[in-house]
Amino acid sequence: GRIDNVLGVVHAKRLLLNPTQPLRELVTPVPFVPEAANIERTLLQLRARRDQMAIVVDEYGGVAGLVTLEDIIEEIVGDIEESQETPRGRPVRQTGPDEYILDGDLAVHEWLDAFKIDLSERRISTIGGFVISLLGRIPDVGDQTTYRNLRFTVEQMRGRRIRKLRLKLLEEPA
């Protein structure tokens, strides 16, 4: 069928144990969750049904992706681990004359004014989100991007989130 007509999933183990059985008979239904669904509610839904994954649908009913129980737990546990780190450390640490290490979850409003940046047209709340929007993709450690006279280097990732960035202030063009 088409990508927007998902019937469910076929587990490799079931397929290998039943190689002659029609594929349609091996399909295990999976729940569908809206793209805007609350992560905690989705976790509860998956656990209640004993499902390992759900198909994510957009506002038009089309398939937007797949979310696994592991993805959700990693997202939640990652937040817990980060909030329990001791000592937390400073969100901005100067490492050289024009160089800083920034926490990826540093709130945009905390550094916008200092660098005279206007992001009113963008829906971004963290410096990590800003860098991801500049790159247009989920970065890898070592990726760099420049905005005006600011060069950002991804120093550390946790899953799909930027954990630490290096910010280098470049000389403004004359």
C-alpha atoms as a PDB file:
ATOM      1  CA  GLY A   1       0.000   0.000   0.000  1.00  0.00           C
ATOM      2  CA  ARG A   2       0.875   3.649   0.320  1.00  0.00           C
ATOM      3  CA  ILE A   3       2.912   5.160   3.136  1.00  0.00           C
ATOM      4  CA  ASP A   4      -0.185   6.909   4.514  1.00  0.00           C
ATOM      5  CA  ASN A   5      -2.081   3.601   4.691  1.00  0.00           C
ATOM      6  CA  VAL A   6      -0.195   1.808   7.477  1.00  0.00           C
ATOM      7  CA  LEU A   7      -1.782  -1.462   8.586  1.00  0.00           C
ATOM      8  CA  GLY A   8       0.695  -2.224  11.365  1.00  0.00           C
ATOM      9  CA  VAL A   9       4.108  -3.811  11.758  1.00  0.00           C
ATOM     10  CA  VAL A  10       5.530  -7.230  11.003  1.00  0.00           C
ATOM     11  CA  HIS A  11       8.001  -8.454  13.596  1.00  0.00           C
ATOM     12  CA  ALA A  12      11.033 -10.173  12.073  1.00  0.00           C
ATOM     13  CA  LYS A  13      10.788 -13.090  14.512  1.00  0.00           C
ATOM     14  CA  ARG A  14       7.178 -13.853  13.472  1.00  0.00           C
ATOM     15  CA  LEU A  15       8.153 -13.633   9.812  1.00  0.00           C
ATOM     16  CA  LEU A  16      11.130 -15.976  10.243  1.00  0.00           C
ATOM     17  CA  LEU A  17       9.059 -18.488  12.235  1.00  0.00           C
ATOM     18  CA  ASN A  18       6.221 -18.396   9.655  1.00  0.00           C
ATOM     19  CA  PRO A  19       7.884 -17.875   6.252  1.00  0.00           C
ATOM     20  CA  THR A  20       4.986 -19.351   4.246  1.00  0.00           C
ATOM     21  CA  GLN A  21       2.204 -17.472   6.006  1.00  0.00           C
ATOM     22  CA  PRO A  22       0.797 -14.495   4.065  1.00  0.00           C
ATOM     23  CA  LEU A  23       2.333 -11.212   5.220  1.00  0.00           C
ATOM     24  CA  ARG A  24      -1.081  -9.681   5.910  1.00  0.00           C
ATOM     25  CA  GLU A  25      -1.717 -12.379   8.535  1.00  0.00           C
ATOM     26  CA  LEU A  26       1.544 -11.524  10.338  1.00  0.00           C
ATOM     27  CA  VAL A  27       0.739  -7.829  10.722  1.00  0.00           C
ATOM     28  CA  THR A  28       0.427  -6.614  14.303  1.00  0.00           C
ATOM     29  CA  PRO A  29      -1.737  -3.484  14.603  1.00  0.00           C
ATOM     30  CA  VAL A  30      -0.092  -0.431  16.172  1.00  0.00           C
ATOM     31  CA  PRO A  31      -1.733   2.652  17.657  1.00  0.00           C
ATOM     32  CA  PHE A  32      -1.807   5.982  15.902  1.00  0.00           C
ATOM     33  CA  VAL A  33      -0.999   9.181  17.793  1.00  0.00           C
ATOM     34  CA  PRO A  34      -1.331  12.786  16.617  1.00  0.00           C
ATOM     35  CA  GLU A  35       1.858  14.728  15.965  1.00  0.00           C
ATOM     36  CA  ALA A  36       0.866  17.228  18.662  1.00  0.00           C
ATOM     37  CA  ALA A  37       0.239  14.516  21.286  1.00  0.00           C
ATOM     38  CA  ASN A  38       1.571  15.002  24.788  1.00  0.00           C
ATOM     39  CA  ILE A  39       4.623  12.768  25.364  1.00  0.00           C
ATOM     40  CA  GLU A  40       3.478  11.587  28.800  1.00  0.00           C
ATOM     41  CA  ARG A  41       0.024  10.679  27.493  1.00  0.00           C
ATOM     42  CA  THR A  42       1.588   8.788  24.597  1.00  0.00           C
ATOM     43  CA  LEU A  43       3.810   6.878  27.042  1.00  0.00           C
ATOM     44  CA  LEU A  44       0.774   5.911  29.141  1.00  0.00           C
ATOM     45  CA  GLN A  45      -1.122   4.812  26.026  1.00  0.00           C
ATOM     46  CA  LEU A  46       1.748   2.616  24.828  1.00  0.00           C
ATOM     47  CA  ARG A  47       2.260   1.061  28.256  1.00  0.00           C
ATOM     48  CA  ALA A  48      -1.473   0.394  28.744  1.00  0.00           C
ATOM     49  CA  ARG A  49      -1.660  -1.419  25.403  1.00  0.00           C
ATOM     50  CA  ARG A  50       1.765  -3.044  25.869  1.00  0.00           C
ATOM     51  CA  ASP A  51       2.872  -1.579  22.539  1.00  0.00           C
ATOM     52  CA  GLN A  52       6.467  -0.794  21.665  1.00  0.00           C
ATOM     53  CA  MET A  53       5.713   1.847  19.040  1.00  0.00           C
ATOM     54  CA  ALA A  54       3.081   4.098  17.518  1.00  0.00           C
ATOM     55  CA  ILE A  55       2.564   5.658  14.118  1.00  0.00           C
ATOM     56  CA  VAL A  56       2.599   9.458  14.307  1.00  0.00           C
ATOM     57  CA  VAL A  57       0.035  11.180  12.081  1.00  0.00           C
ATOM     58  CA  ASP A  58      -0.137  14.806  11.036  1.00  0.00           C
ATOM     59  CA  GLU A  59      -3.185  17.041  11.161  1.00  0.00           C
ATOM     60  CA  TYR A  60      -4.348  15.711   7.764  1.00  0.00           C
ATOM     61  CA  GLY A  61      -4.128  12.068   8.814  1.00  0.00           C
ATOM     62  CA  GLY A  62      -0.954  11.424   6.839  1.00  0.00           C
ATOM     63  CA  VAL A  63       1.940   9.497   8.335  1.00  0.00           C
ATOM     64  CA  ALA A  64       4.484  11.868   9.872  1.00  0.00           C
ATOM     65  CA  GLY A  65       6.701   9.183  11.373  1.00  0.00           C
ATOM     66  CA  LEU A  66       7.095   6.535  14.013  1.00  0.00           C
ATOM     67  CA  VAL A  67       7.781   6.884  17.730  1.00  0.00           C
ATOM     68  CA  THR A  68       9.029   4.036  19.884  1.00  0.00           C
ATOM     69  CA  LEU A  69       8.676   3.471  23.593  1.00  0.00           C
ATOM     70  CA  GLU A  70      12.470   3.683  23.740  1.00  0.00           C
ATOM     71  CA  ASP A  71      12.409   7.156  22.085  1.00  0.00           C
ATOM     72  CA  ILE A  72       9.906   8.426  24.639  1.00  0.00           C
ATOM     73  CA  ILE A  73      11.719   6.986  27.645  1.00  0.00           C
ATOM     74  CA  GLU A  74      15.054   8.345  26.394  1.00  0.00           C
ATOM     75  CA  GLU A  75      13.497  11.784  26.036  1.00  0.00           C
ATOM     76  CA  ILE A  76      11.989  11.717  29.532  1.00  0.00           C
ATOM     77  CA  VAL A  77      14.953  10.063  31.264  1.00  0.00           C
ATOM     78  CA  GLY A  78      17.329  12.406  29.468  1.00  0.00           C
ATOM     79  CA  ASP A  79      15.421  15.329  30.981  1.00  0.00           C
ATOM     80  CA  ILE A  80      15.565  13.738  34.439  1.00  0.00           C
ATOM     81  CA  GLU A  81      19.300  13.027  34.171  1.00  0.00           C
ATOM     82  CA  GLU A  82      19.981  16.582  33.039  1.00  0.00           C
ATOM     83  CA  SER A  83      17.920  18.089  35.850  1.00  0.00           C
ATOM     84  CA  GLN A  84      19.715  15.970  38.470  1.00  0.00           C
ATOM     85  CA  GLU A  85      23.264  16.723  37.341  1.00  0.00           C
ATOM     86  CA  THR A  86      25.264  18.169  40.192  1.00  0.00           C
ATOM     87  CA  PRO A  87      26.712  20.626  39.999  1.00  0.00           C
ATOM     88  CA  ARG A  88      24.665  21.918  37.092  1.00  0.00           C
ATOM     89  CA  GLY A  89      27.420  24.203  35.901  1.00  0.00           C
ATOM     90  CA  ARG A  90      26.955  27.558  34.332  1.00  0.00           C
ATOM     91  CA  PRO A  91      24.903  27.731  31.129  1.00  0.00           C
ATOM     92  CA  VAL A  92      27.557  30.075  29.648  1.00  0.00           C
ATOM     93  CA  ARG A  93      31.235  29.610  30.387  1.00  0.00           C
ATOM     94  CA  GLN A  94      33.965  31.759  28.856  1.00  0.00           C
ATOM     95  CA  THR A  95      36.892  29.657  27.631  1.00  0.00           C
ATOM     96  CA  GLY A  96      38.903  32.311  25.806  1.00  0.00           C
ATOM     97  CA  PRO A  97      38.910  35.996  24.847  1.00  0.00           C
ATOM     98  CA  ASP A  98      36.099  35.554  22.299  1.00  0.00           C
ATOM     99  CA  GLU A  99      35.058  31.969  22.964  1.00  0.00           C
ATOM    100  CA  TYR A 100      32.316  30.443  25.110  1.00  0.00           C
ATOM    101  CA  ILE A 101      30.811  27.044  25.914  1.00  0.00           C
ATOM    102  CA  LEU A 102      26.998  27.193  25.990  1.00  0.00           C
ATOM    103  CA  ASP A 103      24.442  24.700  27.248  1.00  0.00           C
ATOM    104  CA  GLY A 104      22.238  23.678  24.319  1.00  0.00           C
ATOM    105  CA  ASP A 105      19.148  24.242  26.446  1.00  0.00           C
ATOM    106  CA  LEU A 106      20.119  27.835  27.255  1.00  0.00           C
ATOM    107  CA  ALA A 107      16.967  29.919  26.763  1.00  0.00           C
ATOM    108  CA  VAL A 108      17.150  32.121  23.677  1.00  0.00           C
ATOM    109  CA  HIS A 109      15.925  35.210  25.539  1.00  0.00           C
ATOM    110  CA  GLU A 110      18.938  34.956  27.872  1.00  0.00           C
ATOM    111  CA  TRP A 111      21.438  35.658  25.117  1.00  0.00           C
ATOM    112  CA  LEU A 112      19.497  37.400  22.311  1.00  0.00           C
ATOM    113  CA  ASP A 113      19.850  40.916  23.661  1.00  0.00           C
ATOM    114  CA  ALA A 114      23.580  40.556  24.294  1.00  0.00           C
ATOM    115  CA  PHE A 115      24.185  39.704  20.622  1.00  0.00           C
ATOM    116  CA  LYS A 116      21.424  41.945  19.177  1.00  0.00           C
ATOM    117  CA  ILE A 117      19.646  39.081  17.435  1.00  0.00           C
ATOM    118  CA  ASP A 118      15.981  39.217  16.431  1.00  0.00           C
ATOM    119  CA  LEU A 119      14.301  35.821  16.226  1.00  0.00           C
ATOM    120  CA  SER A 120      10.726  37.043  16.498  1.00  0.00           C
ATOM    121  CA  GLU A 121       9.798  35.301  13.238  1.00  0.00           C
ATOM    122  CA  ARG A 122      11.207  31.954  14.415  1.00  0.00           C
ATOM    123  CA  ARG A 123       9.568  29.673  16.972  1.00  0.00           C
ATOM    124  CA  ILE A 124      12.753  28.780  18.825  1.00  0.00           C
ATOM    125  CA  SER A 125      13.260  28.696  22.567  1.00  0.00           C
ATOM    126  CA  THR A 126      16.841  27.411  23.030  1.00  0.00           C
ATOM    127  CA  ILE A 127      20.283  28.098  21.583  1.00  0.00           C
ATOM    128  CA  GLY A 128      20.427  24.430  20.549  1.00  0.00           C
ATOM    129  CA  GLY A 129      17.172  24.837  18.627  1.00  0.00           C
ATOM    130  CA  PHE A 130      18.573  27.974  16.980  1.00  0.00           C
ATOM    131  CA  VAL A 131      21.657  26.090  15.755  1.00  0.00           C
ATOM    132  CA  ILE A 132      19.535  23.176  14.514  1.00  0.00           C
ATOM    133  CA  SER A 133      17.365  25.662  12.574  1.00  0.00           C
ATOM    134  CA  LEU A 134      20.480  27.229  11.033  1.00  0.00           C
ATOM    135  CA  LEU A 135      21.822  23.823   9.981  1.00  0.00           C
ATOM    136  CA  GLY A 136      18.405  22.608   8.806  1.00  0.00           C
ATOM    137  CA  ARG A 137      19.032  19.147  10.258  1.00  0.00           C
ATOM    138  CA  ILE A 138      19.983  17.267  13.423  1.00  0.00           C
ATOM    139  CA  PRO A 139      23.718  17.898  13.781  1.00  0.00           C
ATOM    140  CA  ASP A 140      26.648  15.660  14.588  1.00  0.00           C
ATOM    141  CA  VAL A 141      29.394  16.548  17.058  1.00  0.00           C
ATOM    142  CA  GLY A 142      31.855  18.842  15.284  1.00  0.00           C
ATOM    143  CA  ASP A 143      29.313  20.407  12.906  1.00  0.00           C
ATOM    144  CA  GLN A 144      29.690  24.171  12.523  1.00  0.00           C
ATOM    145  CA  THR A 145      27.476  26.986  11.343  1.00  0.00           C
ATOM    146  CA  THR A 146      27.840  30.749  11.302  1.00  0.00           C
ATOM    147  CA  TYR A 147      25.260  33.446  11.940  1.00  0.00           C
ATOM    148  CA  ARG A 148      26.513  36.998  11.385  1.00  0.00           C
ATOM    149  CA  ASN A 149      29.735  37.156  13.431  1.00  0.00           C
ATOM    150  CA  LEU A 150      28.906  34.107  15.573  1.00  0.00           C
ATOM    151  CA  ARG A 151      30.386  30.695  14.778  1.00  0.00           C
ATOM    152  CA  PHE A 152      28.729  27.781  16.561  1.00  0.00           C
ATOM    153  CA  THR A 153      30.395  24.369  16.873  1.00  0.00           C
ATOM    154  CA  VAL A 154      28.468  21.398  18.230  1.00  0.00           C
ATOM    155  CA  GLU A 155      30.540  19.976  21.091  1.00  0.00           C
ATOM    156  CA  GLN A 156      28.196  17.410  22.643  1.00  0.00           C
ATOM    157  CA  MET A 157      24.893  15.744  21.726  1.00  0.00           C
ATOM    158  CA  ARG A 158      22.346  13.744  23.714  1.00  0.00           C
ATOM    159  CA  GLY A 159      20.119  11.838  21.338  1.00  0.00           C
ATOM    160  CA  ARG A 160      18.821  14.400  18.851  1.00  0.00           C
ATOM    161  CA  ARG A 161      19.421  17.387  21.144  1.00  0.00           C
ATOM    162  CA  ILE A 162      22.435  19.626  21.338  1.00  0.00           C
ATOM    163  CA  ARG A 163      23.874  19.444  24.827  1.00  0.00           C
ATOM    164  CA  LYS A 164      26.940  21.743  24.501  1.00  0.00           C
ATOM    165  CA  LEU A 165      27.993  24.321  21.920  1.00  0.00           C
ATOM    166  CA  ARG A 166      31.163  26.303  21.413  1.00  0.00           C
ATOM    167  CA  LEU A 167      30.506  29.912  20.421  1.00  0.00           C
ATOM    168  CA  LYS A 168      33.322  31.880  18.788  1.00  0.00           C
ATOM    169  CA  LEU A 169      32.874  35.613  18.220  1.00  0.00           C
ATOM    170  CA  LEU A 170      34.360  36.436  14.832  1.00  0.00           C
ATOM    171  CA  GLU A 171      35.555  39.878  13.849  1.00  0.00           C
ATOM    172  CA  GLU A 172      32.789  41.930  12.288  1.00  0.00           C
ATOM    173  CA  PRO A 173      33.471  42.840   8.653  1.00  0.00           C
ATOM    174  CA  ALA A 174      34.619  46.427   8.281  1.00  0.00           C
END
